[in-house]
C-alpha atoms as a PDB file:
ATOM      1  CA  MET A   1      50.134 -39.862  13.641  1.00  0.00           C
ATOM      2  CA  GLU A   2      49.157 -38.542  17.061  1.00  0.00           C
ATOM      3  CA  PHE A   3      47.741 -41.247  19.295  1.00  0.00           C
ATOM      4  CA  ALA A   4      44.376 -39.578  19.907  1.00  0.00           C
ATOM      5  CA  SER A   5      43.845 -39.273  16.102  1.00  0.00           C
ATOM      6  CA  LEU A   6      44.912 -42.923  15.681  1.00  0.00           C
ATOM      7  CA  ALA A   7      42.539 -44.142  18.325  1.00  0.00           C
ATOM      8  CA  ARG A   8      39.657 -42.194  16.873  1.00  0.00           C
ATOM      9  CA  GLU A   9      40.200 -43.002  13.192  1.00  0.00           C
ATOM     10  CA  ARG A  10      40.868 -46.784  13.443  1.00  0.00           C
ATOM     11  CA  PHE A  11      38.011 -48.983  12.772  1.00  0.00           C
ATOM     12  CA  SER A  12      37.343 -52.684  12.373  1.00  0.00           C
ATOM     13  CA  VAL A  13      37.955 -53.723   8.627  1.00  0.00           C
ATOM     14  CA  ARG A  14      35.807 -56.547   7.320  1.00  0.00           C
ATOM     15  CA  ASP A  15      36.713 -56.351   3.626  1.00  0.00           C
ATOM     16  CA  TYR A  16      40.257 -56.606   2.351  1.00  0.00           C
ATOM     17  CA  LYS A  17      42.209 -56.271  -0.811  1.00  0.00           C
ATOM     18  CA  ASP A  18      44.189 -59.204  -2.188  1.00  0.00           C
ATOM     19  CA  THR A  19      47.396 -57.073  -1.745  1.00  0.00           C
ATOM     20  CA  PRO A  20      49.819 -58.946   0.422  1.00  0.00           C
ATOM     21  CA  ILE A  21      51.337 -57.333   3.512  1.00  0.00           C
ATOM     22  CA  GLU A  22      54.904 -56.409   3.013  1.00  0.00           C
ATOM     23  CA  PRO A  23      57.191 -58.615   5.200  1.00  0.00           C
ATOM     24  CA  GLU A  24      58.767 -55.569   6.874  1.00  0.00           C
ATOM     25  CA  LYS A  25      55.429 -54.071   7.892  1.00  0.00           C
ATOM     26  CA  LEU A  26      54.181 -57.499   9.222  1.00  0.00           C
ATOM     27  CA  GLN A  27      57.526 -57.684  11.308  1.00  0.00           C
ATOM     28  CA  LYS A  28      56.756 -54.160  12.686  1.00  0.00           C
ATOM     29  CA  ILE A  29      53.235 -55.282  13.712  1.00  0.00           C
ATOM     30  CA  LEU A  30      54.506 -58.484  15.352  1.00  0.00           C
ATOM     31  CA  GLU A  31      57.226 -56.432  17.198  1.00  0.00           C
ATOM     32  CA  ALA A  32      54.561 -54.152  18.521  1.00  0.00           C
ATOM     33  CA  GLY A  33      52.913 -57.292  20.081  1.00  0.00           C
ATOM     34  CA  ARG A  34      56.214 -58.582  21.348  1.00  0.00           C
ATOM     35  CA  VAL A  35      57.010 -55.498  23.370  1.00  0.00           C
ATOM     36  CA  ALA A  36      53.487 -55.186  24.832  1.00  0.00           C
ATOM     37  CA  PRO A  37      53.355 -55.333  28.568  1.00  0.00           C
ATOM     38  CA  THR A  38      51.999 -58.536  30.313  1.00  0.00           C
ATOM     39  CA  ALA A  39      51.380 -59.403  33.883  1.00  0.00           C
ATOM     40  CA  LYS A  40      54.734 -59.882  35.686  1.00  0.00           C
ATOM     41  CA  ASN A  41      56.172 -59.771  32.147  1.00  0.00           C
ATOM     42  CA  ASN A  42      55.484 -63.465  31.782  1.00  0.00           C
ATOM     43  CA  GLN A  43      54.690 -63.026  28.033  1.00  0.00           C
ATOM     44  CA  PRO A  44      52.383 -66.087  27.814  1.00  0.00           C
ATOM     45  CA  GLN A  45      51.136 -65.006  24.382  1.00  0.00           C
ATOM     46  CA  ARG A  46      51.543 -67.250  21.327  1.00  0.00           C
ATOM     47  CA  ILE A  47      50.905 -65.678  18.086  1.00  0.00           C
ATOM     48  CA  TYR A  48      50.201 -67.970  15.019  1.00  0.00           C
ATOM     49  CA  VAL A  49      50.683 -66.169  11.845  1.00  0.00           C
ATOM     50  CA  LEU A  50      48.301 -67.726   9.335  1.00  0.00           C
ATOM     51  CA  GLN A  51      49.378 -66.670   5.879  1.00  0.00           C
ATOM     52  CA  SER A  52      49.918 -69.807   3.777  1.00  0.00           C
ATOM     53  CA  PRO A  53      47.176 -70.757   1.378  1.00  0.00           C
ATOM     54  CA  GLU A  54      46.566 -73.909   3.416  1.00  0.00           C
ATOM     55  CA  ALA A  55      46.309 -72.095   6.721  1.00  0.00           C
ATOM     56  CA  LEU A  56      44.009 -69.423   5.300  1.00  0.00           C
ATOM     57  CA  GLU A  57      41.823 -71.985   3.790  1.00  0.00           C
ATOM     58  CA  LYS A  58      41.578 -73.853   7.172  1.00  0.00           C
ATOM     59  CA  ILE A  59      40.686 -70.662   9.167  1.00  0.00           C
ATOM     60  CA  ARG A  60      38.116 -69.601   6.556  1.00  0.00           C
ATOM     61  CA  ALA A  61      36.496 -72.968   6.752  1.00  0.00           C
ATOM     62  CA  LEU A  62      36.107 -72.562  10.490  1.00  0.00           C
ATOM     63  CA  THR A  63      34.830 -68.972  10.659  1.00  0.00           C
ATOM     64  CA  ARG A  64      33.216 -66.428   8.235  1.00  0.00           C
ATOM     65  CA  CYS A  65      35.090 -63.726  10.195  1.00  0.00           C
ATOM     66  CA  ALA A  66      38.493 -64.145   8.615  1.00  0.00           C
ATOM     67  CA  PHE A  67      37.087 -61.767   6.055  1.00  0.00           C
ATOM     68  CA  ASN A  68      39.402 -63.031   3.230  1.00  0.00           C
ATOM     69  CA  ALA A  69      42.313 -61.184   4.894  1.00  0.00           C
ATOM     70  CA  PRO A  70      45.708 -62.070   3.484  1.00  0.00           C
ATOM     71  CA  VAL A  71      46.985 -62.579   7.086  1.00  0.00           C
ATOM     72  CA  VAL A  72      45.148 -63.812  10.074  1.00  0.00           C
ATOM     73  CA  LEU A  73      46.814 -63.848  13.505  1.00  0.00           C
ATOM     74  CA  LEU A  74      45.654 -66.514  15.735  1.00  0.00           C
ATOM     75  CA  ILE A  75      46.410 -65.149  19.247  1.00  0.00           C
ATOM     76  CA  ALA A  76      46.600 -67.713  22.083  1.00  0.00           C
ATOM     77  CA  TYR A  77      48.139 -67.894  25.504  1.00  0.00           C
ATOM     78  CA  ASP A  78      49.880 -70.483  27.496  1.00  0.00           C
ATOM     79  CA  GLU A  79      48.027 -71.391  30.499  1.00  0.00           C
ATOM     80  CA  ASN A  80      51.264 -72.463  32.283  1.00  0.00           C
ATOM     81  CA  GLU A  81      52.911 -69.115  31.733  1.00  0.00           C
ATOM     82  CA  GLN A  82      49.994 -66.791  32.539  1.00  0.00           C
ATOM     83  CA  TRP A  83      50.211 -64.930  35.812  1.00  0.00           C
ATOM     84  CA  SER A  84      47.969 -66.220  38.711  1.00  0.00           C
ATOM     85  CA  SER A  85      46.956 -63.849  41.458  1.00  0.00           C
ATOM     86  CA  PRO A  86      48.080 -64.968  44.878  1.00  0.00           C
ATOM     87  CA  LEU A  87      45.243 -62.828  46.404  1.00  0.00           C
ATOM     88  CA  GLU A  88      42.256 -64.222  44.476  1.00  0.00           C
ATOM     89  CA  GLU A  89      41.892 -67.776  43.484  1.00  0.00           C
ATOM     90  CA  GLY A  90      40.996 -68.321  39.818  1.00  0.00           C
ATOM     91  CA  HIS A  91      42.128 -64.889  38.752  1.00  0.00           C
ATOM     92  CA  PHE A  92      44.498 -65.414  35.860  1.00  0.00           C
ATOM     93  CA  SER A  93      46.060 -62.987  33.252  1.00  0.00           C
ATOM     94  CA  GLY A  94      46.120 -64.828  29.900  1.00  0.00           C
ATOM     95  CA  LEU A  95      43.174 -63.204  28.305  1.00  0.00           C
ATOM     96  CA  GLN A  96      44.210 -59.692  29.567  1.00  0.00           C
ATOM     97  CA  ASP A  97      47.653 -60.168  28.299  1.00  0.00           C
ATOM     98  CA  THR A  98      46.523 -61.334  24.865  1.00  0.00           C
ATOM     99  CA  GLY A  99      44.186 -58.354  24.819  1.00  0.00           C
ATOM    100  CA  ILE A 100      47.032 -55.927  25.457  1.00  0.00           C
ATOM    101  CA  VAL A 101      49.140 -57.575  22.828  1.00  0.00           C
ATOM    102  CA  ALA A 102      46.436 -57.547  20.269  1.00  0.00           C
ATOM    103  CA  VAL A 103      45.720 -53.784  20.850  1.00  0.00           C
ATOM    104  CA  HIS A 104      49.364 -53.013  20.337  1.00  0.00           C
ATOM    105  CA  MET A 105      49.412 -54.781  16.987  1.00  0.00           C
ATOM    106  CA  ILE A 106      46.080 -53.214  15.963  1.00  0.00           C
ATOM    107  CA  PHE A 107      47.333 -49.711  16.366  1.00  0.00           C
ATOM    108  CA  GLN A 108      50.715 -50.445  14.868  1.00  0.00           C
ATOM    109  CA  ALA A 109      48.946 -51.898  11.892  1.00  0.00           C
ATOM    110  CA  TRP A 110      46.644 -48.912  11.432  1.00  0.00           C
ATOM    111  CA  GLU A 111      49.685 -46.541  11.684  1.00  0.00           C
ATOM    112  CA  LEU A 112      51.136 -48.599   8.769  1.00  0.00           C
ATOM    113  CA  GLY A 113      47.996 -48.319   6.744  1.00  0.00           C
ATOM    114  CA  ILE A 114      46.883 -51.887   7.497  1.00  0.00           C
ATOM    115  CA  GLY A 115      43.405 -52.779   8.751  1.00  0.00           C
ATOM    116  CA  SER A 116      42.393 -55.320  11.238  1.00  0.00           C
ATOM    117  CA  CYS A 117      39.361 -56.671  13.040  1.00  0.00           C
ATOM    118  CA  TRP A 118      39.143 -58.202  16.476  1.00  0.00           C
ATOM    119  CA  VAL A 119      37.353 -61.506  16.191  1.00  0.00           C
ATOM    120  CA  ASN A 120      35.835 -63.652  18.806  1.00  0.00           C
ATOM    121  CA  TYR A 121      33.321 -65.355  16.572  1.00  0.00           C
ATOM    122  CA  PHE A 122      35.109 -68.702  15.947  1.00  0.00           C
ATOM    123  CA  PRO A 123      34.959 -72.197  17.491  1.00  0.00           C
ATOM    124  CA  ASN A 124      37.944 -72.015  19.848  1.00  0.00           C
ATOM    125  CA  SER A 125      38.345 -75.720  20.456  1.00  0.00           C
ATOM    126  CA  GLN A 126      38.045 -76.621  16.831  1.00  0.00           C
ATOM    127  CA  VAL A 127      40.584 -73.869  15.783  1.00  0.00           C
ATOM    128  CA  GLU A 128      42.988 -75.084  18.511  1.00  0.00           C
ATOM    129  CA  LYS A 129      42.667 -78.705  17.156  1.00  0.00           C
ATOM    130  CA  ALA A 130      42.942 -77.730  13.487  1.00  0.00           C
ATOM    131  CA  PHE A 131      46.090 -75.836  14.005  1.00  0.00           C
ATOM    132  CA  GLY A 132      47.762 -78.347  16.461  1.00  0.00           C
ATOM    133  CA  LEU A 133      47.919 -75.940  19.447  1.00  0.00           C
ATOM    134  CA  PRO A 134      49.346 -77.711  22.549  1.00  0.00           C
ATOM    135  CA  GLU A 135      46.769 -78.616  25.259  1.00  0.00           C
ATOM    136  CA  ASN A 136      48.124 -75.841  27.461  1.00  0.00           C
ATOM    137  CA  GLU A 137      47.552 -73.140  24.795  1.00  0.00           C
ATOM    138  CA  LYS A 138      44.175 -71.547  24.543  1.00  0.00           C
ATOM    139  CA  SER A 139      43.008 -69.383  21.746  1.00  0.00           C
ATOM    140  CA  ALA A 140      41.833 -65.877  22.691  1.00  0.00           C
ATOM    141  CA  LEU A 141      41.021 -64.154  19.361  1.00  0.00           C
ATOM    142  CA  LEU A 142      41.670 -63.894  15.706  1.00  0.00           C
ATOM    143  CA  LEU A 143      43.105 -60.737  14.173  1.00  0.00           C
ATOM    144  CA  PRO A 144      42.594 -60.540  10.404  1.00  0.00           C
ATOM    145  CA  LEU A 145      45.178 -58.072   8.810  1.00  0.00           C
ATOM    146  CA  GLY A 146      45.239 -56.438   5.444  1.00  0.00           C
ATOM    147  CA  TYR A 147      44.800 -53.439   3.342  1.00  0.00           C
ATOM    148  CA  ALA A 148      41.128 -52.279   3.471  1.00  0.00           C
ATOM    149  CA  ALA A 149      39.125 -52.657   0.342  1.00  0.00           C
ATOM    150  CA  GLU A 150      38.028 -49.369  -1.302  1.00  0.00           C
ATOM    151  CA  ALA A 151      34.523 -49.638  -0.110  1.00  0.00           C
ATOM    152  CA  SER A 152      35.524 -50.523   3.487  1.00  0.00           C
ATOM    153  CA  SER A 153      34.263 -48.101   6.108  1.00  0.00           C
ATOM    154  CA  PRO A 154      33.398 -47.990   9.750  1.00  0.00           C
ATOM    155  CA  THR A 155      30.006 -49.298  10.725  1.00  0.00           C
ATOM    156  CA  PRO A 156      27.441 -46.726  11.896  1.00  0.00           C
ATOM    157  CA  ARG A 157      28.066 -47.736  15.480  1.00  0.00           C
ATOM    158  CA  HIS A 158      31.788 -46.881  15.235  1.00  0.00           C
ATOM    159  CA  SER A 159      31.345 -43.281  16.406  1.00  0.00           C
ATOM    160  CA  GLN A 160      28.561 -43.886  18.914  1.00  0.00           C
ATOM    161  CA  ARG A 161      30.088 -43.373  22.274  1.00  0.00           C
ATOM    162  CA  LYS A 162      28.345 -43.112  25.667  1.00  0.00           C
ATOM    163  CA  PRO A 163      28.931 -39.898  27.640  1.00  0.00           C
ATOM    164  CA  LEU A 164      32.019 -39.923  30.008  1.00  0.00           C
ATOM    165  CA  GLU A 165      29.620 -39.848  32.978  1.00  0.00           C
ATOM    166  CA  GLU A 166      28.078 -43.233  31.950  1.00  0.00           C
ATOM    167  CA  THR A 167      31.283 -45.279  31.771  1.00  0.00           C
ATOM    168  CA  PHE A 168      33.554 -43.624  34.264  1.00  0.00           C
ATOM    169  CA  ARG A 169      33.227 -43.257  38.080  1.00  0.00           C
ATOM    170  CA  PHE A 170      35.298 -40.721  39.901  1.00  0.00           C
ATOM    171  CA  LEU A 171      35.608 -41.692  43.535  1.00  0.00           C
END
């Protein structure tokens, strides 16, 4: 699929079939995240693949936004491995790095016919504790993955885009 079509057609899936994701497809999705660029190639991302019944039950108890997906990726970053700008104190790359990684996996999943939804609606510290993340790892987002249910469709806001002139500045 051409990238422009992929980018236009992909939408956030919030209703999934019970169909498991084939291991080879899940591996392709994870590989897309592994090869994503990160600041100075530090690769601070940590991806927790929640797929066991126990892990899924735990994440579903902590947020309604797991959407009963058969796999939920808990995407975190290691604060000790994220890049720190020498030019601006307090400027770190962890969140940006995990964002790039997540987008790579989102588009790879869609190309394989697998839906996803970027989720920030969860209690980060409770999730980190529940899944035993080390103190230096911070959760950035959840990424439910699975085959979209038949009735799944984009929200009405999906195709609403501001004109280029409102969001871009040519200097």
